[in-house]
């Protein structure tokens, strides 16, 4: 290997390239990738009913692949290329090094992270709405853990450099998530009399979403405040208001995305407009940017946050509706009722778990006699399909 490739004068290391910052960006991007693959794949596959495990995992997997292609073909230059409209860049492929090498300047920009959409495709079937337990709580925790750890790259990579702002962003991300998890769990214990693992994961999620807008802009004490609020306000909206609201009752939000992302994300954006610390803002934002609690023109920043939130909500409603209407021209948005009843086997011809007795016909010559715990032979009962064994309803 040629050692000159690592020298400062090498063509592969131009003068404008900071190798430390570049290395951190690649690490942060890899951490973000693990959030989706395998983080969200495992989390979504585990938190849903068994019959939808494969479908939920596969949606996260192919979305990860599709977004990568869309990003290099259109998205990158739409975000960082030439301006088409004040809020829209010119989309074009970014596949050549000639273009990428010219991207030494990063424009001032506002980043909004959204992990869910509301689709007008109708609710789940009645049996799924009435009982929808997670099929594997332990794997759900593994997926949630990957999501949490990957979020350090998500927020820590946002400053585009291995600097002070990245460090405080990572610290605040973990502090807020931990606080939110504990607050949500405490409310579960107070209200229901016992802690919930699913609730803890929801609290973790709301904390991560809430801190994202201001991860590198607030002090750590403010991150704790944001964690307390993100662990309590979305809890109230999900556990109390959702059950009392006639409007929310009409929305079949399978994974509680409205509460964990819409409510928590809006809360985080508004709290950033209140708690953004002037000295931290000065590291990456225009001069005199600050939250409302720090006086000066902070109130203006809070109003900007409100305006930005309103724009993003409106933009998502319009753009998502148009996309769905376009897709509906080619494929139906909702599965047939027969496939909804069966699940993965009908949609993919695959099942998440190969459990004996789950539809398999019992053959005494193959499986042997059915015995009790004490070794006594029991008579075999057959169902209407002449299938013998135990069918486990998950």
Protein backbone atom coordinates (compact mmCIF):
# COMPACT_ATOMS: atom_id res chain seq x y z
CA UNK A 1 0.00 0.00 0.00
CA UNK A 2 1.30 3.42 -0.97
CA UNK A 3 1.82 5.51 2.18
CA UNK A 4 1.66 8.72 0.13
CA UNK A 5 -2.10 8.25 -0.15
CA UNK A 6 -2.35 9.44 3.46
CA UNK A 7 -0.15 12.51 3.02
CA UNK A 8 -1.51 16.04 3.13
CA UNK A 9 -0.34 16.64 -0.45
CA UNK A 10 -2.17 13.62 -1.86
CA UNK A 11 -4.95 14.28 -4.41
CA UNK A 12 -7.21 12.14 -2.21
CA UNK A 13 -6.69 14.57 0.70
CA UNK A 14 -7.36 18.08 -0.68
CA UNK A 15 -6.45 21.08 1.42
CA UNK A 16 -10.07 21.84 2.29
CA UNK A 17 -10.77 18.34 3.66
CA UNK A 18 -10.54 17.93 7.43
CA UNK A 19 -9.84 14.23 7.91
CA UNK A 20 -11.13 14.20 11.49
CA UNK A 21 -14.45 15.81 10.56
CA UNK A 22 -14.74 13.55 7.53
CA UNK A 23 -14.13 10.46 9.65
CA UNK A 24 -16.77 11.54 12.17
CA UNK A 25 -19.30 12.14 9.38
CA UNK A 26 -18.77 8.61 8.06
CA UNK A 27 -19.11 7.17 11.57
CA UNK A 28 -22.23 9.26 12.24
CA UNK A 29 -23.75 8.18 8.93
CA UNK A 30 -23.08 4.54 9.80
CA UNK A 31 -24.71 4.99 13.21
CA UNK A 32 -27.76 6.53 11.54
CA UNK A 33 -27.88 3.61 9.11
CA UNK A 34 -27.97 1.15 12.01
CA UNK A 35 -31.09 2.93 13.26
CA UNK A 36 -32.95 1.65 10.22
CA UNK A 37 -31.04 -1.49 9.36
CA UNK A 38 -31.23 -3.42 11.62
CA UNK A 39 -32.67 -1.14 14.37
CA UNK A 40 -36.11 -0.30 12.96
CA UNK A 41 -36.31 -3.65 11.19
CA UNK A 42 -36.02 -5.47 14.52
CA UNK A 43 -38.14 -2.97 16.47
CA UNK A 44 -41.05 -2.90 14.02
CA UNK A 45 -40.96 -6.66 13.47
CA UNK A 46 -41.10 -7.33 17.21
CA UNK A 47 -43.60 -4.73 18.39
CA UNK A 48 -46.45 -5.87 16.12
CA UNK A 49 -48.65 -8.94 16.14
CA UNK A 50 -46.95 -12.15 15.01
CA UNK A 51 -48.85 -12.38 11.75
CA UNK A 52 -47.47 -8.98 10.64
CA UNK A 53 -43.85 -9.40 11.78
CA UNK A 54 -42.39 -10.18 8.34
CA UNK A 55 -44.39 -7.44 6.62
CA UNK A 56 -43.37 -4.79 9.15
CA UNK A 57 -39.70 -5.77 9.00
CA UNK A 58 -39.71 -5.86 5.21
CA UNK A 59 -41.28 -2.40 4.93
CA UNK A 60 -38.45 -0.96 7.02
CA UNK A 61 -35.87 -2.87 4.96
CA UNK A 62 -37.03 -1.92 1.47
CA UNK A 63 -37.71 1.67 2.55
CA UNK A 64 -34.08 1.89 3.70
CA UNK A 65 -32.87 0.68 0.30
CA UNK A 66 -35.31 2.84 -1.68
CA UNK A 67 -34.47 6.03 0.22
CA UNK A 68 -30.74 5.53 -0.39
CA UNK A 69 -31.32 5.39 -4.14
CA UNK A 70 -33.71 8.36 -4.06
CA UNK A 71 -31.15 10.32 -2.04
CA UNK A 72 -28.32 9.98 -4.57
CA UNK A 73 -30.60 10.35 -7.61
CA UNK A 74 -32.59 13.35 -6.39
CA UNK A 75 -32.55 14.20 -2.69
CA UNK A 76 -28.95 15.26 -2.07
CA UNK A 77 -28.90 18.06 -4.61
CA UNK A 78 -32.44 19.06 -3.66
CA UNK A 79 -31.12 19.64 -0.13
CA UNK A 80 -27.63 21.00 -0.86
CA UNK A 81 -27.68 22.00 -4.54
CA UNK A 82 -28.95 25.07 -6.34
CA UNK A 83 -32.13 26.81 -5.21
CA UNK A 84 -35.32 26.36 -7.21
CA UNK A 85 -37.72 27.97 -4.72
CA UNK A 86 -37.00 29.50 -1.29
CA UNK A 87 -38.02 26.16 0.26
CA UNK A 88 -37.11 23.75 -2.55
CA UNK A 89 -33.80 22.95 -4.23
CA UNK A 90 -33.22 21.67 -7.75
CA UNK A 91 -33.30 17.89 -7.61
CA UNK A 92 -30.68 16.13 -9.73
CA UNK A 93 -28.36 13.10 -9.53
CA UNK A 94 -25.28 13.38 -7.32
CA UNK A 95 -23.36 10.38 -8.60
CA UNK A 96 -20.09 11.92 -9.79
CA UNK A 97 -17.10 13.04 -7.78
CA UNK A 98 -16.86 16.25 -9.80
CA UNK A 99 -20.06 17.45 -8.14
CA UNK A 100 -19.28 16.09 -4.68
CA UNK A 101 -15.82 17.68 -4.61
CA UNK A 102 -17.37 21.10 -5.17
CA UNK A 103 -19.58 20.81 -2.10
CA UNK A 104 -17.11 22.42 0.30
CA UNK A 105 -19.65 25.04 1.40
CA UNK A 106 -22.63 23.96 3.48
CA UNK A 107 -25.59 26.35 3.19
CA UNK A 108 -27.40 27.61 6.26
CA UNK A 109 -30.38 25.34 6.60
CA UNK A 110 -33.12 24.13 8.88
CA UNK A 111 -33.37 20.41 9.47
CA UNK A 112 -36.65 18.77 10.31
CA UNK A 113 -36.72 15.07 11.16
CA UNK A 114 -39.97 13.14 10.78
CA UNK A 115 -40.23 9.37 11.11
CA UNK A 116 -43.89 8.71 10.35
CA UNK A 117 -46.79 9.62 8.07
CA UNK A 118 -50.55 9.36 8.32
CA UNK A 119 -51.97 7.45 5.38
CA UNK A 120 -55.65 7.38 4.49
CA UNK A 121 -55.75 3.65 3.79
CA UNK A 122 -58.32 2.67 6.40
CA UNK A 123 -57.99 1.00 9.81
CA UNK A 124 -56.84 -2.51 10.67
CA UNK A 125 -59.39 -5.29 10.77
CA UNK A 126 -61.43 -5.54 13.97
CA UNK A 127 -59.53 -8.50 15.47
CA UNK A 128 -56.21 -6.69 15.07
CA UNK A 129 -57.55 -3.48 16.60
CA UNK A 130 -58.95 -5.32 19.61
CA UNK A 131 -55.79 -7.27 20.39
CA UNK A 132 -52.40 -6.36 18.97
CA UNK A 133 -49.69 -7.64 21.36
CA UNK A 134 -45.99 -7.50 20.48
CA UNK A 135 -44.73 -10.88 19.34
CA UNK A 136 -41.28 -10.59 20.94
CA UNK A 137 -40.64 -8.08 23.72
CA UNK A 138 -36.96 -9.00 24.11
CA UNK A 139 -36.19 -8.43 20.42
CA UNK A 140 -38.18 -5.20 20.66
CA UNK A 141 -35.72 -4.03 23.32
CA UNK A 142 -32.80 -4.96 21.07
CA UNK A 143 -34.24 -2.89 18.22
CA UNK A 144 -34.96 0.01 20.56
CA UNK A 145 -31.39 -0.13 21.86
CA UNK A 146 -29.96 0.07 18.34
CA UNK A 147 -32.24 3.02 17.63
CA UNK A 148 -31.11 4.81 20.79
CA UNK A 149 -27.40 4.28 20.16
CA UNK A 150 -27.76 5.25 16.50
CA UNK A 151 -29.40 8.52 17.55
CA UNK A 152 -26.00 9.69 18.82
CA UNK A 153 -24.88 9.76 15.20
CA UNK A 154 -28.19 11.28 14.15
CA UNK A 155 -27.86 14.34 16.38
CA UNK A 156 -24.09 14.29 16.87
CA UNK A 157 -23.49 14.32 13.13
CA UNK A 158 -25.80 17.28 12.48
CA UNK A 159 -23.07 19.96 13.03
CA UNK A 160 -21.05 18.29 10.20
CA UNK A 161 -17.89 18.36 12.33
CA UNK A 162 -16.28 16.70 15.34
CA UNK A 163 -16.60 19.84 17.45
CA UNK A 164 -17.97 21.08 20.78
CA UNK A 165 -21.48 21.28 19.41
CA UNK A 166 -21.39 17.61 18.39
CA UNK A 167 -20.27 16.64 21.89
CA UNK A 168 -23.04 18.53 23.66
CA UNK A 169 -25.57 17.18 21.15
CA UNK A 170 -24.65 13.58 21.96
CA UNK A 171 -24.72 14.23 25.71
CA UNK A 172 -28.10 15.95 25.56
CA UNK A 173 -29.54 13.22 23.34
CA UNK A 174 -28.80 10.53 25.90
CA UNK A 175 -29.75 12.65 28.93
CA UNK A 176 -33.14 13.58 27.48
CA UNK A 177 -33.92 10.03 26.32
CA UNK A 178 -33.03 8.55 29.71
CA UNK A 179 -35.10 11.15 31.59
CA UNK A 180 -38.09 10.67 29.32
CA UNK A 181 -37.95 6.88 29.68
CA UNK A 182 -37.92 7.12 33.48
CA UNK A 183 -40.75 9.67 33.58
CA UNK A 184 -42.94 7.58 31.25
CA UNK A 185 -42.26 4.44 33.30
CA UNK A 186 -43.05 6.29 36.54
CA UNK A 187 -46.39 7.45 35.14
CA UNK A 188 -47.18 3.87 34.10
CA UNK A 189 -46.51 2.69 37.66
CA UNK A 190 -48.59 5.48 39.20
CA UNK A 191 -51.52 5.08 36.81
CA UNK A 192 -51.53 1.33 36.05
CA UNK A 193 -49.76 -0.05 39.12
CA UNK A 194 -46.93 -1.71 37.18
CA UNK A 195 -44.12 -0.73 34.79
CA UNK A 196 -44.45 -1.51 31.10
CA UNK A 197 -41.55 -2.45 28.83
CA UNK A 198 -43.49 -1.17 25.82
CA UNK A 199 -44.13 2.05 27.71
CA UNK A 200 -40.43 2.41 28.49
CA UNK A 201 -39.63 2.11 24.78
CA UNK A 202 -42.29 4.70 23.96
CA UNK A 203 -40.78 7.04 26.56
CA UNK A 204 -37.32 6.52 25.10
CA UNK A 205 -38.68 7.35 21.66
CA UNK A 206 -40.44 10.55 22.73
CA UNK A 207 -37.28 11.73 24.48
CA UNK A 208 -35.13 11.12 21.39
CA UNK A 209 -37.61 12.86 19.11
CA UNK A 210 -38.08 15.82 21.45
CA UNK A 211 -34.37 16.59 21.90
CA UNK A 212 -33.51 16.35 18.20
CA UNK A 213 -34.36 19.97 17.19
CA UNK A 214 -32.26 21.46 19.99
CA UNK A 215 -29.71 18.75 20.85
CA UNK A 216 -26.71 21.00 20.26
CA UNK A 217 -28.39 24.26 21.27
CA UNK A 218 -29.52 23.71 24.87
CA UNK A 219 -27.70 23.16 28.15
CA UNK A 220 -27.90 19.73 29.76
CA UNK A 221 -30.23 20.97 32.51
CA UNK A 222 -32.59 22.04 29.74
CA UNK A 223 -32.27 18.57 28.19
CA UNK A 224 -33.52 17.14 31.50
CA UNK A 225 -36.46 19.56 31.45
CA UNK A 226 -37.22 18.49 27.88
CA UNK A 227 -37.00 14.86 28.99
CA UNK A 228 -39.50 15.43 31.80
CA UNK A 229 -41.95 17.10 29.44
CA UNK A 230 -41.44 14.59 26.60
CA UNK A 231 -42.04 11.72 29.01
CA UNK A 232 -45.24 13.23 30.39
CA UNK A 233 -47.06 15.28 27.74
CA UNK A 234 -47.06 12.55 25.03
CA UNK A 235 -48.00 10.04 27.77
CA UNK A 236 -51.07 12.13 28.60
CA UNK A 237 -51.95 12.56 24.92
CA UNK A 238 -51.64 8.80 24.28
CA UNK A 239 -53.08 7.32 27.47
CA UNK A 240 -55.72 9.92 28.38
CA UNK A 241 -56.63 12.33 25.59
CA UNK A 242 -56.57 9.71 22.83
CA UNK A 243 -59.22 7.66 24.63
CA UNK A 244 -61.42 10.70 25.28
CA UNK A 245 -61.10 12.41 21.90
CA UNK A 246 -63.74 11.45 19.33
CA UNK A 247 -61.42 12.63 16.55
CA UNK A 248 -58.40 10.61 17.70
CA UNK A 249 -60.59 7.55 18.21
CA UNK A 250 -61.26 7.58 14.48
CA UNK A 251 -57.51 7.34 13.75
CA UNK A 252 -56.10 3.81 13.82
CA UNK A 253 -52.53 4.70 14.83
CA UNK A 254 -51.03 1.21 15.14
CA UNK A 255 -47.71 2.17 16.75
CA UNK A 256 -48.72 5.46 18.35
CA UNK A 257 -46.70 7.48 15.84
CA UNK A 258 -48.85 10.57 16.30
CA UNK A 259 -47.96 10.76 19.98
CA UNK A 260 -44.32 9.65 19.82
CA UNK A 261 -43.39 11.75 16.80
CA UNK A 262 -45.95 14.47 16.06
CA UNK A 263 -46.60 15.49 19.67
CA UNK A 264 -43.01 14.94 20.84
CA UNK A 265 -41.51 16.54 17.72
CA UNK A 266 -43.69 19.64 17.97
CA UNK A 267 -42.89 19.85 21.68
CA UNK A 268 -39.15 19.66 20.96
CA UNK A 269 -39.29 22.35 18.31
CA UNK A 270 -41.19 24.76 20.55
CA UNK A 271 -38.98 24.06 23.57
CA UNK A 272 -35.90 24.75 21.44
CA UNK A 273 -37.37 28.18 20.71
CA UNK A 274 -37.59 28.73 24.47
CA UNK A 275 -34.40 27.10 25.78
CA UNK A 276 -31.77 27.63 23.05
CA UNK A 277 -28.67 28.98 24.83
CA UNK A 278 -27.01 32.03 23.15
CA UNK A 279 -23.40 30.82 23.40
CA UNK A 280 -24.26 27.42 21.96
CA UNK A 281 -26.32 29.04 19.21
CA UNK A 282 -23.34 31.24 18.32
CA UNK A 283 -21.33 28.12 17.44
CA UNK A 284 -23.44 27.22 14.40
CA UNK A 285 -26.25 29.76 13.96
CA UNK A 286 -26.40 33.46 12.99
CA UNK A 287 -25.37 36.04 15.56
CA UNK A 288 -27.80 36.88 18.41
CA UNK A 289 -29.87 33.73 17.92
CA UNK A 290 -31.33 32.63 21.27
CA UNK A 291 -34.36 31.14 22.97
CA UNK A 292 -37.15 33.25 24.45
CA UNK A 293 -36.07 32.48 28.02
CA UNK A 294 -32.78 34.31 27.39
CA UNK A 295 -34.44 37.62 26.51
CA UNK A 296 -33.35 39.85 23.65
CA UNK A 297 -34.83 38.70 20.36
CA UNK A 298 -35.52 35.21 21.72
CA UNK A 299 -39.25 35.71 21.36
CA UNK A 300 -38.77 36.12 17.62
CA UNK A 301 -37.03 32.75 17.47
CA UNK A 302 -39.94 31.10 19.26
CA UNK A 303 -42.34 32.58 16.69
CA UNK A 304 -40.08 31.26 13.93
CA UNK A 305 -40.27 27.79 15.45
CA UNK A 306 -44.07 27.98 15.51
CA UNK A 307 -44.16 29.16 11.90
CA UNK A 308 -41.76 26.42 10.82
CA UNK A 309 -43.84 23.76 12.59
CA UNK A 310 -47.01 25.01 10.88
CA UNK A 311 -45.30 24.94 7.49
CA UNK A 312 -43.92 21.43 7.98
CA UNK A 313 -47.32 20.10 9.09
CA UNK A 314 -49.04 21.67 6.08
CA UNK A 315 -46.30 20.55 3.72
CA UNK A 316 -46.51 16.95 4.90
CA UNK A 317 -50.30 16.84 4.62
CA UNK A 318 -50.26 18.17 1.05
CA UNK A 319 -47.23 16.24 -0.22
CA UNK A 320 -48.25 12.93 1.38
CA UNK A 321 -51.77 13.24 -0.02
CA UNK A 322 -50.44 13.90 -3.53
CA UNK A 323 -48.01 10.98 -3.31
CA UNK A 324 -50.75 8.61 -2.15
CA UNK A 325 -53.10 9.74 -4.91
CA UNK A 326 -50.35 9.10 -7.46
CA UNK A 327 -49.58 5.65 -6.05
CA UNK A 328 -53.27 4.77 -6.06
CA UNK A 329 -53.30 5.16 -9.84
CA UNK A 330 -51.12 2.05 -10.12
CA UNK A 331 -51.70 -0.07 -7.02
CA UNK A 332 -54.38 -0.13 -4.30
CA UNK A 333 -53.41 1.50 -1.01
CA UNK A 334 -55.19 -1.15 1.07
CA UNK A 335 -54.77 -4.92 1.03
CA UNK A 336 -57.77 -7.15 0.30
CA UNK A 337 -59.68 -8.21 3.41
CA UNK A 338 -58.61 -11.84 2.90
CA UNK A 339 -54.92 -10.90 3.08
CA UNK A 340 -55.54 -8.70 6.12
CA UNK A 341 -57.05 -11.70 7.90
CA UNK A 342 -54.08 -13.98 7.15
CA UNK A 343 -51.13 -11.60 7.30
CA UNK A 344 -47.55 -12.42 6.33
CA UNK A 345 -48.26 -15.80 4.76
CA UNK A 346 -50.74 -14.26 2.31
CA UNK A 347 -48.61 -11.20 1.53
CA UNK A 348 -45.14 -12.75 1.37
CA UNK A 349 -45.60 -16.51 1.59
CA UNK A 350 -43.35 -16.39 4.65
CA UNK A 351 -43.78 -16.43 8.42
CA UNK A 352 -41.57 -14.98 11.13
CA UNK A 353 -41.53 -18.03 13.39
CA UNK A 354 -41.66 -21.70 12.40
CA UNK A 355 -43.76 -22.95 15.34
CA UNK A 356 -44.77 -26.61 15.31
CA UNK A 357 -48.52 -27.03 15.18
CA UNK A 358 -49.09 -23.66 13.55
CA UNK A 359 -51.18 -25.10 10.73
CA UNK A 360 -49.14 -28.30 10.37
CA UNK A 361 -50.96 -31.63 10.15
CA UNK A 362 -50.04 -34.09 12.87
CA UNK A 363 -48.55 -37.38 11.68
CA UNK A 364 -48.13 -40.01 14.46
CA UNK A 365 -45.44 -41.81 12.47
CA UNK A 366 -43.49 -38.55 12.15
CA UNK A 367 -44.20 -36.72 15.40
CA UNK A 368 -44.86 -39.64 17.77
CA UNK A 369 -47.62 -39.94 20.35
CA UNK A 370 -48.85 -36.91 22.31
CA UNK A 371 -47.91 -37.33 25.98
CA UNK A 372 -48.67 -35.35 29.07
CA UNK A 373 -46.14 -33.79 31.40
CA UNK A 374 -46.09 -37.04 33.41
CA UNK A 375 -45.46 -39.28 30.43
CA UNK A 376 -49.06 -40.47 30.04
CA UNK A 377 -50.40 -40.88 26.54
CA UNK A 378 -53.30 -38.59 25.76
CA UNK A 379 -55.89 -39.12 23.05
CA UNK A 380 -55.43 -36.84 20.08
CA UNK A 381 -58.22 -34.41 19.25
CA UNK A 382 -58.68 -33.28 15.68
CA UNK A 383 -60.03 -30.01 14.40
CA UNK A 384 -62.34 -29.47 11.45
CA UNK A 385 -59.41 -29.55 9.04
CA UNK A 386 -58.09 -32.83 10.46
CA UNK A 387 -55.05 -30.88 11.67
CA UNK A 388 -53.69 -32.18 14.96
CA UNK A 389 -51.43 -30.46 17.43
CA UNK A 390 -51.50 -27.17 19.22
CA UNK A 391 -52.27 -24.01 17.34
CA UNK A 392 -50.73 -21.08 19.18
CA UNK A 393 -52.71 -17.89 18.80
CA UNK A 394 -50.17 -15.08 18.73
